[in-house]
Structures are given as structure tokens and as C-alpha cells.
Amino acid sequence: MFAARRAACEDSRSAVKAVNSLDGTVEFRGESVSPRCILAHMIDEYARHNGHADLLREALDGATVE
């Protein structure tokens, strides 16, 4: 599981590094996308998984953040 996450992050980083501007496009997983789109997706996924981790932690210890 962690290896797949690391590989996906490295793929995304490589795609973003391949262009000089966020306004350009890059081939990523068979599609032509903007690096801006890749970065926005990475931020979205990171935030979603942090939320999941917080729900699991709260279920274990019962503490909530106010």
C-alpha cells in the first residue's frame, strides 16, 4: 500500500517537473493534462486522506478537536 502511494506521488512529481509552466500540458497516464490539474488533484487527495485518518483516530481515542 505504501509503495503504491510513493509510486503515484513520484509519477505526479515527475509529470509536474517535466514542464516549465503550470499553464502547459503534459502526458500523464495516457492523457494530456495541465500540471495545475495534477497539483490540485494531489492536494484534494491528501486532504481527503487526512480527514479519513482523523476519523479513525477519533474512533480509537474518542477525542475531538474543537
C-alpha atoms as a PDB file:
ATOM      1  CA  MET A   1       0.000   0.000   0.000  1.00  0.00           C
ATOM      2  CA  PHE A   2       2.732   2.484   0.909  1.00  0.00           C
ATOM      3  CA  ALA A   3       4.758   1.532  -2.172  1.00  0.00           C
ATOM      4  CA  ALA A   4       1.783   2.278  -4.427  1.00  0.00           C
ATOM      5  CA  ARG A   5       1.325   5.686  -2.769  1.00  0.00           C
ATOM      6  CA  ARG A   6       5.005   6.524  -3.124  1.00  0.00           C
ATOM      7  CA  ALA A   7       4.944   5.474  -6.794  1.00  0.00           C
ATOM      8  CA  ALA A   8       1.849   7.582  -7.504  1.00  0.00           C
ATOM      9  CA  CYS A   9       3.411  10.614  -5.808  1.00  0.00           C
ATOM     10  CA  GLU A  10       6.628  10.177  -7.783  1.00  0.00           C
ATOM     11  CA  ASP A  11       4.674   9.881 -11.059  1.00  0.00           C
ATOM     12  CA  SER A  12       2.859  13.122 -10.267  1.00  0.00           C
ATOM     13  CA  ARG A  13       6.043  14.936  -9.263  1.00  0.00           C
ATOM     14  CA  SER A  14       7.805  13.798 -12.437  1.00  0.00           C
ATOM     15  CA  ALA A  15       4.918  14.999 -14.607  1.00  0.00           C
ATOM     16  CA  VAL A  16       4.927  18.442 -12.960  1.00  0.00           C
ATOM     17  CA  LYS A  17       8.722  18.757 -13.233  1.00  0.00           C
ATOM     18  CA  ALA A  18       8.523  17.975 -16.973  1.00  0.00           C
ATOM     19  CA  VAL A  19       7.033  21.398 -17.824  1.00  0.00           C
ATOM     20  CA  ASN A  20       8.195  24.975 -17.338  1.00  0.00           C
ATOM     21  CA  SER A  21       4.754  26.424 -16.612  1.00  0.00           C
ATOM     22  CA  LEU A  22       1.585  25.316 -14.871  1.00  0.00           C
ATOM     23  CA  ASP A  23      -0.281  26.545 -17.961  1.00  0.00           C
ATOM     24  CA  GLY A  24       1.288  23.911 -20.221  1.00  0.00           C
ATOM     25  CA  THR A  25       0.211  20.329 -20.703  1.00  0.00           C
ATOM     26  CA  VAL A  26       1.907  17.032 -20.053  1.00  0.00           C
ATOM     27  CA  GLU A  27       1.136  13.427 -20.951  1.00  0.00           C
ATOM     28  CA  PHE A  28       0.071  11.727 -17.735  1.00  0.00           C
ATOM     29  CA  ARG A  29      -1.332   8.210 -17.647  1.00  0.00           C
ATOM     30  CA  GLY A  30      -2.311   8.361 -21.294  1.00  0.00           C
ATOM     31  CA  GLU A  31      -4.000  11.764 -21.145  1.00  0.00           C
ATOM     32  CA  SER A  32      -2.901  15.314 -21.873  1.00  0.00           C
ATOM     33  CA  VAL A  33      -3.452  17.329 -18.674  1.00  0.00           C
ATOM     34  CA  SER A  34      -2.211  20.544 -17.141  1.00  0.00           C
ATOM     35  CA  PRO A  35       0.246  20.390 -14.251  1.00  0.00           C
ATOM     36  CA  ARG A  36      -2.148  22.712 -12.409  1.00  0.00           C
ATOM     37  CA  CYS A  37      -4.791  19.964 -12.588  1.00  0.00           C
ATOM     38  CA  ILE A  38      -2.328  17.357 -11.289  1.00  0.00           C
ATOM     39  CA  LEU A  39      -1.342  19.537  -8.324  1.00  0.00           C
ATOM     40  CA  ALA A  40      -4.966  20.357  -7.468  1.00  0.00           C
ATOM     41  CA  HIS A  41      -5.800  16.642  -7.528  1.00  0.00           C
ATOM     42  CA  MET A  42      -2.829  15.821  -5.271  1.00  0.00           C
ATOM     43  CA  ILE A  43      -3.940  18.458  -2.732  1.00  0.00           C
ATOM     44  CA  ASP A  44      -7.509  17.141  -2.840  1.00  0.00           C
ATOM     45  CA  GLU A  45      -6.422  13.537  -2.287  1.00  0.00           C
ATOM     46  CA  TYR A  46      -4.045  14.484   0.526  1.00  0.00           C
ATOM     47  CA  ALA A  47      -6.780  16.440   2.324  1.00  0.00           C
ATOM     48  CA  ARG A  48      -9.292  13.608   1.893  1.00  0.00           C
ATOM     49  CA  HIS A  49      -6.931  11.033   3.374  1.00  0.00           C
ATOM     50  CA  ASN A  50      -6.042  13.319   6.284  1.00  0.00           C
ATOM     51  CA  GLY A  51      -9.759  13.515   7.022  1.00  0.00           C
ATOM     52  CA  HIS A  52     -10.032   9.727   6.943  1.00  0.00           C
ATOM     53  CA  ALA A  53      -7.096   9.389   9.314  1.00  0.00           C
ATOM     54  CA  ASP A  54      -8.683  11.897  11.688  1.00  0.00           C
ATOM     55  CA  LEU A  55     -11.955   9.918  11.716  1.00  0.00           C
ATOM     56  CA  LEU A  56     -10.064   6.715  12.533  1.00  0.00           C
ATOM     57  CA  ARG A  57      -8.095   8.414  15.300  1.00  0.00           C
ATOM     58  CA  GLU A  58     -11.281   9.869  16.773  1.00  0.00           C
ATOM     59  CA  ALA A  59     -12.933   6.428  16.695  1.00  0.00           C
ATOM     60  CA  LEU A  60      -9.977   4.996  18.631  1.00  0.00           C
ATOM     61  CA  ASP A  61      -9.440   7.629  21.300  1.00  0.00           C
ATOM     62  CA  GLY A  62     -12.756   9.498  21.308  1.00  0.00           C
ATOM     63  CA  ALA A  63     -11.051  12.911  21.356  1.00  0.00           C
ATOM     64  CA  THR A  64     -12.360  15.643  19.102  1.00  0.00           C
ATOM     65  CA  VAL A  65     -10.757  18.917  18.073  1.00  0.00           C
ATOM     66  CA  GLU A  66     -12.867  21.988  18.781  1.00  0.00           C
END
